[in-house]
């Protein structure tokens, strides 16, 4: 941090790492007028601290690291990248993140939202920097990872999504013999069948899976596993513990007339059929219902399948939309039209085929339990739209049939011990969407890592 003409620290943007050293040793803590400086970094950061949180409530970690579900040392690897030390940056990332390339493409980057640099100009592009280092590794600059010790115990991981891959990775590093069972014909879970290739290239995902395989992890596709409420089902196969990460692969239903008509499909199944190479017929006009990432992914996929008009209907406003803002912007640029404050009440039928939607306009009321304002129908505001293909993408749920004998929450998710992720059956742990409901990949990775630690303690 160089000194200005008044001997006060000022910003040098090309060198600033937002490390807060200038704040921790800043005379502004004693001299109030320094706190109001507009052109110094200490002034900008101090005002943010002063008005956002009391000093006693501030986190010990850097805000970006605290915001990351796996508490990645963001400041550390960004600084190393800035110094051209890519291999060292990769080592820091790999210590806690088994899927850095995947995260570089699809993470919702809460670290950037917490970045203090935003108080000055723009947050540091942390996700893209991670992606850059992952590309460096893929092109031959990587590091080999090996377990520090070998253990006799065998552990079964059910599901190869982000939670399962993270658990398998960490358990292998701890020395366990790990086997992954995947019910689908391809590995990757929702990363492979729920996220379009234009967002996450398949070669990137496959490369990261191969990296985990190289540590000795065995992976079997077309291999469903049902616990059936009995530990003997996995003990007979020689496993001492199980991690369930089966995800939430069922779409929520609209529960409106006409949902079973020809031409109506559901978001998760629609995307899965595309990635499994199934032949899909799509009309010239497509209507997508929902406002999450699945809805936006389905809309952008429909364009790529040849639909001439793709329109999204979402019952809240843009502010409440759960989809990533950058993905929404991409969809709009590609020609997707989004109708806010609009909700379908009926699918219009002609000869057992869907030919359109009847929608009702909405207004927003008081916030619900999740903090989002509740949509309220406006009487007499119904209108009709034409569509030969209708894709419902209003949410996902867990397939309860696979959870027989386990304690389940009212919303259909699996109940676990919040400290250990252990289920109601001893030796059986769970994490990811099957526990939390549909969530972000980085949260699932965090759950897989936490469960691997718990399994290690359990077997030790």
Protein backbone atom coordinates (compact mmCIF):
# COMPACT_ATOMS: atom_id res chain seq x y z
CA UNK A 1 0.00 0.00 0.00
CA UNK A 2 1.89 3.10 -1.20
CA UNK A 3 1.68 6.47 0.54
CA UNK A 4 0.03 9.48 -1.04
CA UNK A 5 1.09 13.10 -0.87
CA UNK A 6 -0.55 13.45 2.54
CA UNK A 7 1.26 10.34 3.79
CA UNK A 8 -2.05 8.49 3.93
CA UNK A 9 -2.45 5.06 2.26
CA UNK A 10 -4.23 5.30 -1.10
CA UNK A 11 -5.41 2.66 -3.55
CA UNK A 12 -3.12 1.20 -6.16
CA UNK A 13 -5.72 -0.99 -7.96
CA UNK A 14 -3.29 -3.25 -9.82
CA UNK A 15 -1.62 -4.33 -6.55
CA UNK A 16 -4.45 -4.23 -3.98
CA UNK A 17 -5.46 -7.66 -2.66
CA UNK A 18 -8.13 -6.37 -0.24
CA UNK A 19 -6.13 -7.99 2.55
CA UNK A 20 -7.31 -5.39 5.09
CA UNK A 21 -3.81 -4.87 6.48
CA UNK A 22 -4.37 -1.16 6.07
CA UNK A 23 -7.50 -1.44 8.20
CA UNK A 24 -5.98 -3.54 10.96
CA UNK A 25 -3.13 -1.07 11.45
CA UNK A 26 -5.10 2.00 10.51
CA UNK A 27 -5.05 5.25 12.51
CA UNK A 28 -8.72 5.64 11.52
CA UNK A 29 -9.44 3.44 14.51
CA UNK A 30 -8.28 6.40 16.63
CA UNK A 31 -8.78 9.40 14.33
CA UNK A 32 -12.46 9.65 13.31
CA UNK A 33 -11.99 12.04 10.36
CA UNK A 34 -9.91 9.41 8.54
CA UNK A 35 -12.97 7.17 8.46
CA UNK A 36 -14.75 9.43 6.00
CA UNK A 37 -12.05 9.39 3.33
CA UNK A 38 -13.62 8.61 -0.04
CA UNK A 39 -10.51 8.01 -2.13
CA UNK A 40 -8.55 5.74 0.19
CA UNK A 41 -9.11 2.04 0.57
CA UNK A 42 -9.11 2.33 4.33
CA UNK A 43 -11.92 4.87 4.13
CA UNK A 44 -14.02 2.74 1.81
CA UNK A 45 -13.50 -0.43 3.82
CA UNK A 46 -13.82 1.29 7.18
CA UNK A 47 -17.18 2.80 6.29
CA UNK A 48 -18.37 -0.61 5.11
CA UNK A 49 -17.31 -2.16 8.41
CA UNK A 50 -18.67 0.71 10.46
CA UNK A 51 -22.18 0.67 9.05
CA UNK A 52 -22.61 -2.97 8.08
CA UNK A 53 -21.57 -4.88 11.20
CA UNK A 54 -20.40 -4.00 14.69
CA UNK A 55 -16.69 -4.70 15.15
CA UNK A 56 -17.40 -7.46 17.67
CA UNK A 57 -19.58 -9.34 15.13
CA UNK A 58 -17.08 -9.39 12.30
CA UNK A 59 -15.69 -12.73 11.14
CA UNK A 60 -12.14 -13.83 11.87
CA UNK A 61 -11.57 -15.21 8.38
CA UNK A 62 -11.45 -12.92 5.34
CA UNK A 63 -15.06 -12.38 4.22
CA UNK A 64 -14.54 -14.24 0.94
CA UNK A 65 -13.18 -17.29 2.76
CA UNK A 66 -15.93 -17.14 5.38
CA UNK A 67 -18.61 -17.02 2.66
CA UNK A 68 -17.27 -20.14 0.91
CA UNK A 69 -19.02 -23.31 2.18
CA UNK A 70 -15.67 -25.16 2.15
CA UNK A 71 -13.75 -22.10 3.48
CA UNK A 72 -11.26 -22.06 0.64
CA UNK A 73 -8.22 -19.83 1.23
CA UNK A 74 -9.32 -17.47 -1.52
CA UNK A 75 -6.96 -14.65 -0.62
CA UNK A 76 -4.05 -17.08 -0.58
CA UNK A 77 -4.49 -18.56 -4.03
CA UNK A 78 -5.51 -15.28 -5.67
CA UNK A 79 -2.30 -13.70 -4.38
CA UNK A 80 -0.24 -16.61 -5.72
CA UNK A 81 -1.92 -16.39 -9.13
CA UNK A 82 -1.14 -12.66 -9.20
CA UNK A 83 2.51 -13.58 -8.62
CA UNK A 84 2.51 -16.17 -11.40
CA UNK A 85 2.82 -19.06 -8.94
CA UNK A 86 0.11 -21.22 -10.53
CA UNK A 87 1.24 -24.59 -9.16
CA UNK A 88 1.38 -23.23 -5.61
CA UNK A 89 -2.10 -21.70 -6.07
CA UNK A 90 -3.34 -25.07 -7.30
CA UNK A 91 -1.93 -26.79 -4.22
CA UNK A 92 -3.89 -24.42 -1.96
CA UNK A 93 -7.09 -25.03 -3.94
CA UNK A 94 -6.65 -28.81 -4.05
CA UNK A 95 -6.22 -29.00 -0.27
CA UNK A 96 -9.95 -28.49 0.18
CA UNK A 97 -11.61 -28.56 -3.25
CA UNK A 98 -11.79 -31.86 -5.17
CA UNK A 99 -13.63 -30.28 -8.13
CA UNK A 100 -11.94 -26.93 -8.86
CA UNK A 101 -12.56 -27.03 -12.62
CA UNK A 102 -16.26 -27.79 -12.15
CA UNK A 103 -16.54 -24.97 -9.61
CA UNK A 104 -14.72 -22.69 -12.03
CA UNK A 105 -17.60 -23.14 -14.46
CA UNK A 106 -20.77 -23.42 -12.36
CA UNK A 107 -20.17 -22.22 -8.77
CA UNK A 108 -22.55 -19.44 -7.69
CA UNK A 109 -19.47 -17.71 -6.17
CA UNK A 110 -20.66 -16.45 -2.75
CA UNK A 111 -17.01 -15.46 -2.22
CA UNK A 112 -17.36 -12.73 -4.83
CA UNK A 113 -20.52 -11.42 -3.23
CA UNK A 114 -18.57 -11.03 0.03
CA UNK A 115 -15.47 -9.54 -1.62
CA UNK A 116 -14.50 -6.26 0.05
CA UNK A 117 -13.12 -4.97 -3.22
CA UNK A 118 -16.71 -4.33 -4.31
CA UNK A 119 -16.76 -1.38 -1.89
CA UNK A 120 -14.13 0.27 -4.07
CA UNK A 121 -14.91 -0.81 -7.65
CA UNK A 122 -15.63 -4.47 -8.54
CA UNK A 123 -15.24 -7.81 -6.71
CA UNK A 124 -12.24 -9.91 -7.70
CA UNK A 125 -13.31 -12.56 -10.31
CA UNK A 126 -12.48 -15.44 -7.96
CA UNK A 127 -14.41 -18.13 -9.84
CA UNK A 128 -12.70 -17.36 -13.14
CA UNK A 129 -9.29 -17.37 -11.46
CA UNK A 130 -10.03 -20.83 -10.08
CA UNK A 131 -11.06 -21.92 -13.57
CA UNK A 132 -7.81 -20.54 -14.97
CA UNK A 133 -5.71 -22.55 -12.51
CA UNK A 134 -7.77 -25.68 -13.19
CA UNK A 135 -7.09 -25.27 -16.92
CA UNK A 136 -3.39 -24.92 -16.10
CA UNK A 137 -3.57 -28.23 -14.23
CA UNK A 138 -5.44 -29.94 -17.07
CA UNK A 139 -2.80 -28.89 -19.56
CA UNK A 140 -0.05 -30.63 -17.65
CA UNK A 141 0.82 -28.45 -14.71
CA UNK A 142 -0.98 -30.54 -12.13
CA UNK A 143 -0.02 -32.24 -8.89
CA UNK A 144 -0.34 -35.89 -7.95
CA UNK A 145 -2.36 -36.66 -4.84
CA UNK A 146 -1.85 -39.76 -2.76
CA UNK A 147 -3.21 -41.03 0.53
CA UNK A 148 -0.90 -40.53 3.49
CA UNK A 149 -1.70 -44.04 4.73
CA UNK A 150 -3.67 -47.11 3.64
CA UNK A 151 -6.55 -48.55 5.63
CA UNK A 152 -8.34 -51.87 5.32
CA UNK A 153 -11.89 -50.57 5.77
CA UNK A 154 -14.13 -50.35 2.70
CA UNK A 155 -16.60 -47.50 2.33
CA UNK A 156 -19.51 -47.33 -0.10
CA UNK A 157 -20.59 -44.04 -1.69
CA UNK A 158 -24.04 -44.13 -3.30
CA UNK A 159 -24.33 -41.48 -5.99
CA UNK A 160 -21.64 -39.73 -8.02
CA UNK A 161 -22.85 -36.14 -7.88
CA UNK A 162 -20.79 -33.36 -6.26
CA UNK A 163 -21.40 -34.63 -2.70
CA UNK A 164 -20.52 -38.21 -3.60
CA UNK A 165 -17.41 -37.24 -5.55
CA UNK A 166 -16.19 -34.99 -2.73
CA UNK A 167 -16.73 -37.72 -0.13
CA UNK A 168 -15.01 -40.34 -2.32
CA UNK A 169 -12.06 -38.00 -2.90
CA UNK A 170 -11.53 -37.19 0.78
CA UNK A 171 -12.07 -40.77 1.95
CA UNK A 172 -9.47 -41.96 -0.58
CA UNK A 173 -7.01 -39.34 0.68
CA UNK A 174 -7.64 -40.66 4.19
CA UNK A 175 -6.60 -44.12 2.98
CA UNK A 176 -9.95 -45.92 2.78
CA UNK A 177 -10.92 -48.31 0.00
CA UNK A 178 -13.80 -46.49 -1.69
CA UNK A 179 -16.39 -47.76 -4.14
CA UNK A 180 -18.99 -45.53 -5.81
CA UNK A 181 -22.33 -46.93 -7.02
CA UNK A 182 -24.14 -44.80 -9.62
CA UNK A 183 -27.63 -45.76 -10.81
CA UNK A 184 -27.34 -43.74 -14.05
CA UNK A 185 -25.39 -44.99 -17.07
CA UNK A 186 -22.92 -42.09 -16.69
CA UNK A 187 -20.97 -40.65 -13.76
CA UNK A 188 -21.46 -37.19 -12.33
CA UNK A 189 -25.03 -37.18 -11.02
CA UNK A 190 -26.73 -33.81 -11.51
CA UNK A 191 -23.45 -32.37 -12.78
CA UNK A 192 -23.76 -34.72 -15.76
CA UNK A 193 -27.51 -34.91 -16.38
CA UNK A 194 -28.85 -31.72 -14.78
CA UNK A 195 -26.45 -29.03 -16.05
CA UNK A 196 -26.28 -28.44 -19.83
CA UNK A 197 -22.99 -28.97 -21.60
CA UNK A 198 -22.88 -25.33 -22.70
CA UNK A 199 -22.53 -24.44 -19.00
CA UNK A 200 -20.32 -27.34 -17.91
CA UNK A 201 -18.35 -29.07 -20.70
CA UNK A 202 -18.45 -32.83 -20.31
CA UNK A 203 -14.70 -33.23 -20.83
CA UNK A 204 -14.10 -30.98 -17.81
CA UNK A 205 -16.35 -33.07 -15.57
CA UNK A 206 -14.94 -36.34 -16.90
CA UNK A 207 -11.37 -35.16 -16.32
CA UNK A 208 -12.08 -34.32 -12.67
CA UNK A 209 -13.76 -37.69 -12.16
CA UNK A 210 -10.74 -39.44 -13.67
CA UNK A 211 -8.50 -37.53 -11.24
CA UNK A 212 -10.48 -39.04 -8.35
CA UNK A 213 -10.38 -42.50 -9.93
CA UNK A 214 -6.59 -42.30 -10.13
CA UNK A 215 -6.46 -42.31 -6.34
CA UNK A 216 -7.88 -45.84 -6.40
CA UNK A 217 -11.59 -45.05 -6.16
CA UNK A 218 -13.70 -47.69 -7.94
CA UNK A 219 -16.78 -46.36 -9.73
CA UNK A 220 -19.64 -48.45 -11.12
CA UNK A 221 -22.43 -47.10 -13.33
CA UNK A 222 -25.89 -48.69 -13.81
CA UNK A 223 -25.53 -49.83 -10.22
CA UNK A 224 -28.53 -48.78 -8.08
CA UNK A 225 -28.35 -49.55 -4.37
CA UNK A 226 -31.24 -49.73 -1.92
CA UNK A 227 -30.49 -49.77 1.78
CA UNK A 228 -33.92 -51.19 2.72
CA UNK A 229 -33.48 -49.99 6.28
CA UNK A 230 -30.95 -52.67 7.16
CA UNK A 231 -27.18 -52.40 7.74
CA UNK A 232 -26.79 -55.95 6.48
CA UNK A 233 -27.41 -54.79 2.91
CA UNK A 234 -24.01 -53.09 2.79
CA UNK A 235 -22.21 -55.24 5.37
CA UNK A 236 -22.80 -58.34 3.20
CA UNK A 237 -20.92 -56.55 0.43
CA UNK A 238 -17.96 -55.96 2.73
CA UNK A 239 -18.52 -52.27 3.47
CA UNK A 240 -18.09 -50.81 6.95
CA UNK A 241 -19.89 -47.52 6.26
CA UNK A 242 -22.08 -45.90 3.60
CA UNK A 243 -22.47 -42.34 2.34
CA UNK A 244 -25.79 -41.64 0.61
CA UNK A 245 -25.71 -38.83 -1.95
CA UNK A 246 -28.55 -39.75 -4.28
CA UNK A 247 -29.65 -36.17 -4.94
CA UNK A 248 -33.14 -34.89 -5.74
CA UNK A 249 -33.86 -36.22 -9.23
CA UNK A 250 -37.65 -35.92 -9.27
CA UNK A 251 -39.47 -32.83 -10.52
CA UNK A 252 -42.20 -31.19 -8.49
CA UNK A 253 -45.62 -31.32 -10.13
CA UNK A 254 -47.69 -28.28 -11.09
CA UNK A 255 -50.92 -29.92 -9.94
CA UNK A 256 -53.01 -28.07 -12.51
CA UNK A 257 -55.40 -29.47 -15.17
CA UNK A 258 -53.70 -30.84 -18.28
CA UNK A 259 -50.33 -31.72 -16.74
CA UNK A 260 -50.42 -35.24 -18.20
CA UNK A 261 -51.08 -34.14 -21.76
CA UNK A 262 -48.77 -34.96 -24.65
CA UNK A 263 -46.21 -32.19 -25.05
CA UNK A 264 -45.86 -31.54 -21.33
CA UNK A 265 -42.58 -32.49 -19.66
CA UNK A 266 -40.76 -31.62 -16.43
CA UNK A 267 -37.47 -29.79 -16.09
CA UNK A 268 -35.19 -32.36 -14.44
CA UNK A 269 -36.40 -35.22 -16.65
CA UNK A 270 -36.22 -33.02 -19.76
CA UNK A 271 -32.56 -32.15 -19.12
CA UNK A 272 -31.71 -35.73 -18.17
CA UNK A 273 -33.20 -37.09 -21.41
CA UNK A 274 -31.09 -34.64 -23.42
CA UNK A 275 -27.86 -35.69 -21.72
CA UNK A 276 -28.63 -39.39 -22.00
CA UNK A 277 -29.06 -38.98 -25.76
CA UNK A 278 -32.79 -39.64 -25.96
CA UNK A 279 -34.69 -38.37 -28.98
CA UNK A 280 -36.88 -35.39 -28.03
CA UNK A 281 -39.58 -33.70 -30.06
CA UNK A 282 -39.98 -30.02 -29.42
CA UNK A 283 -42.51 -27.58 -30.82
CA UNK A 284 -41.92 -24.22 -32.47
CA UNK A 285 -43.32 -22.49 -29.37
CA UNK A 286 -42.08 -23.56 -25.95
CA UNK A 287 -43.29 -22.35 -22.57
CA UNK A 288 -41.13 -22.94 -19.47
CA UNK A 289 -42.65 -22.56 -16.02
CA UNK A 290 -40.35 -21.60 -13.15
CA UNK A 291 -37.57 -19.20 -12.20
CA UNK A 292 -34.70 -21.36 -10.99
CA UNK A 293 -31.56 -22.60 -12.73
CA UNK A 294 -33.36 -25.69 -14.05
CA UNK A 295 -35.99 -23.49 -15.72
CA UNK A 296 -33.35 -21.27 -17.33
CA UNK A 297 -31.26 -24.28 -18.39
CA UNK A 298 -34.36 -25.91 -19.91
CA UNK A 299 -35.23 -22.71 -21.79
CA UNK A 300 -31.73 -22.34 -23.23
CA UNK A 301 -31.68 -26.04 -24.13
CA UNK A 302 -35.02 -25.70 -25.94
CA UNK A 303 -33.51 -22.99 -28.14
CA UNK A 304 -30.62 -25.30 -29.00
CA UNK A 305 -33.09 -28.08 -29.87
CA UNK A 306 -34.67 -25.82 -32.48
CA UNK A 307 -37.66 -24.19 -30.82
CA UNK A 308 -38.36 -20.87 -32.55
CA UNK A 309 -39.95 -19.15 -29.55
CA UNK A 310 -39.08 -19.86 -25.92
CA UNK A 311 -40.83 -17.97 -23.13
CA UNK A 312 -40.45 -18.37 -19.35
CA UNK A 313 -43.30 -17.72 -16.91
CA UNK A 314 -42.32 -16.93 -13.34
CA UNK A 315 -44.77 -16.05 -10.58
CA UNK A 316 -42.51 -13.57 -8.76
CA UNK A 317 -40.38 -10.62 -9.88
CA UNK A 318 -36.83 -10.57 -11.22
CA UNK A 319 -35.56 -9.68 -7.74
CA UNK A 320 -36.89 -12.94 -6.25
CA UNK A 321 -35.70 -15.13 -9.12
CA UNK A 322 -33.42 -17.87 -7.68
CA UNK A 323 -31.54 -18.52 -10.94
CA UNK A 324 -28.01 -17.12 -11.26
CA UNK A 325 -28.26 -13.55 -12.59
CA UNK A 326 -25.57 -14.14 -15.20
CA UNK A 327 -27.44 -17.19 -16.53
CA UNK A 328 -30.66 -15.18 -16.77
CA UNK A 329 -28.79 -12.50 -18.75
CA UNK A 330 -27.36 -15.16 -21.08
CA UNK A 331 -30.84 -16.59 -21.66
CA UNK A 332 -32.23 -13.15 -22.54
CA UNK A 333 -29.33 -12.53 -24.93
CA UNK A 334 -30.07 -15.85 -26.62
CA UNK A 335 -33.67 -14.83 -27.25
CA UNK A 336 -35.56 -16.21 -24.24
CA UNK A 337 -38.42 -13.96 -23.18
CA UNK A 338 -39.29 -13.90 -19.47
CA UNK A 339 -42.72 -13.01 -18.11
CA UNK A 340 -42.63 -12.05 -14.45
CA UNK A 341 -45.54 -12.09 -11.99
CA UNK A 342 -47.31 -14.71 -14.08
CA UNK A 343 -48.47 -18.17 -12.99
CA UNK A 344 -50.18 -20.97 -15.00
CA UNK A 345 -53.57 -22.19 -13.84
CA UNK A 346 -54.38 -24.60 -16.66
CA UNK A 347 -52.78 -26.32 -19.66
CA UNK A 348 -55.00 -25.95 -22.73
CA UNK A 349 -55.84 -29.18 -24.56
CA UNK A 350 -56.69 -30.08 -28.13
CA UNK A 351 -56.98 -33.76 -29.03
CA UNK A 352 -55.06 -34.91 -25.93
CA UNK A 353 -52.17 -32.62 -26.86
CA UNK A 354 -51.05 -29.45 -25.11
CA UNK A 355 -51.57 -26.37 -27.27
CA UNK A 356 -51.13 -23.58 -24.75
CA UNK A 357 -51.31 -22.19 -21.24
CA UNK A 358 -53.89 -20.26 -19.32
CA UNK A 359 -52.07 -17.95 -16.91
CA UNK A 360 -53.00 -15.50 -14.17
CA UNK A 361 -51.17 -12.33 -13.31
CA UNK A 362 -49.80 -12.03 -9.78
CA UNK A 363 -48.82 -9.38 -7.26
CA UNK A 364 -46.38 -9.74 -4.37
CA UNK A 365 -47.52 -9.84 -0.75
CA UNK A 366 -45.66 -10.27 2.52
CA UNK A 367 -42.43 -12.33 2.72
CA UNK A 368 -42.80 -16.08 3.27
CA UNK A 369 -40.71 -18.33 5.57
CA UNK A 370 -37.76 -18.16 3.17
CA UNK A 371 -37.87 -14.38 3.03
CA UNK A 372 -39.32 -14.14 -0.49
CA UNK A 373 -42.51 -12.15 -1.01
CA UNK A 374 -45.51 -14.40 -1.53
CA UNK A 375 -47.23 -14.22 -4.96
CA UNK A 376 -50.96 -13.39 -4.77
CA UNK A 377 -53.32 -13.96 -7.75
CA UNK A 378 -55.01 -10.89 -9.24
CA UNK A 379 -58.71 -11.62 -9.80
CA UNK A 380 -59.90 -11.39 -13.39
CA UNK A 381 -56.39 -11.22 -14.87
CA UNK A 382 -56.26 -14.57 -16.72
CA UNK A 383 -54.89 -14.69 -20.23
CA UNK A 384 -53.92 -17.42 -22.73
CA UNK A 385 -50.69 -18.15 -24.60
CA UNK A 386 -49.97 -20.67 -27.35
CA UNK A 387 -47.30 -23.37 -26.84
CA UNK A 388 -46.84 -26.89 -28.24
CA UNK A 389 -44.13 -27.77 -25.71
CA UNK A 390 -44.55 -26.99 -22.02
CA UNK A 391 -41.75 -27.62 -19.51
CA UNK A 392 -42.57 -27.41 -15.81
CA UNK A 393 -39.49 -26.57 -13.74
CA UNK A 394 -40.80 -25.36 -10.39
CA UNK A 395 -38.58 -27.46 -8.13
CA UNK A 396 -37.14 -30.88 -7.35
CA UNK A 397 -37.75 -33.52 -4.74
CA UNK A 398 -36.14 -36.67 -3.37
CA UNK A 399 -37.33 -40.11 -4.46
CA UNK A 400 -38.60 -41.51 -1.16
CA UNK A 401 -38.63 -45.10 -2.45
CA UNK A 402 -34.85 -45.21 -2.08
CA UNK A 403 -34.98 -44.13 1.59
CA UNK A 404 -36.90 -47.04 3.06
CA UNK A 405 -36.23 -47.52 6.79
CA UNK A 406 -34.58 -44.11 7.28
CA UNK A 407 -36.01 -41.15 9.20
CA UNK A 408 -37.43 -38.60 6.75
CA UNK A 409 -38.41 -34.97 7.22
CA UNK A 410 -41.86 -33.67 6.31
CA UNK A 411 -40.55 -32.22 3.04
CA UNK A 412 -39.26 -35.64 1.97
CA UNK A 413 -35.58 -34.98 2.66
CA UNK A 414 -33.45 -37.30 4.76
CA UNK A 415 -33.02 -36.49 8.45
CA UNK A 416 -29.42 -36.54 9.66
CA UNK A 417 -27.44 -35.52 12.73
CA UNK A 418 -26.44 -31.89 11.94
CA UNK A 419 -23.00 -32.37 13.52
CA UNK A 420 -22.03 -35.63 11.82
CA UNK A 421 -24.44 -36.15 8.88
CA UNK A 422 -25.20 -39.62 10.26
CA UNK A 423 -28.69 -40.96 9.51
CA UNK A 424 -30.98 -42.92 11.84
CA UNK A 425 -29.07 -46.08 10.91
CA UNK A 426 -25.64 -46.45 12.48
CA UNK A 427 -22.81 -46.30 9.96
CA UNK A 428 -24.96 -44.70 7.28
CA UNK A 429 -24.24 -41.04 6.50
CA UNK A 430 -25.84 -38.71 3.96
CA UNK A 431 -25.36 -35.29 2.39
CA UNK A 432 -26.19 -33.06 -0.55
CA UNK A 433 -29.64 -32.53 -2.06
CA UNK A 434 -31.05 -35.68 -0.45
CA UNK A 435 -30.63 -33.90 2.92
CA UNK A 436 -31.07 -30.21 2.09
CA UNK A 437 -33.28 -30.36 -0.99
CA UNK A 438 -32.09 -28.80 -4.27
CA UNK A 439 -29.06 -26.63 -3.63
CA UNK A 440 -25.76 -25.39 -5.00
CA UNK A 441 -22.93 -27.70 -6.05
CA UNK A 442 -20.44 -26.12 -3.63
CA UNK A 443 -22.82 -26.78 -0.71
CA UNK A 444 -23.05 -30.43 -1.76
CA UNK A 445 -19.24 -30.59 -1.93
CA UNK A 446 -19.07 -29.20 1.60
CA UNK A 447 -21.55 -31.86 2.78
CA UNK A 448 -19.49 -34.62 1.17
CA UNK A 449 -16.31 -33.41 2.84
CA UNK A 450 -18.00 -33.13 6.23
CA UNK A 451 -19.39 -36.66 5.90
CA UNK A 452 -15.96 -38.04 4.96
CA UNK A 453 -14.56 -36.60 8.20
CA UNK A 454 -17.43 -38.14 10.17
CA UNK A 455 -16.92 -41.55 8.55
CA UNK A 456 -13.22 -41.35 9.37
CA UNK A 457 -14.04 -40.65 13.03
CA UNK A 458 -16.69 -43.39 13.07
CA UNK A 459 -14.32 -46.05 11.71
CA UNK A 460 -11.45 -44.91 13.89
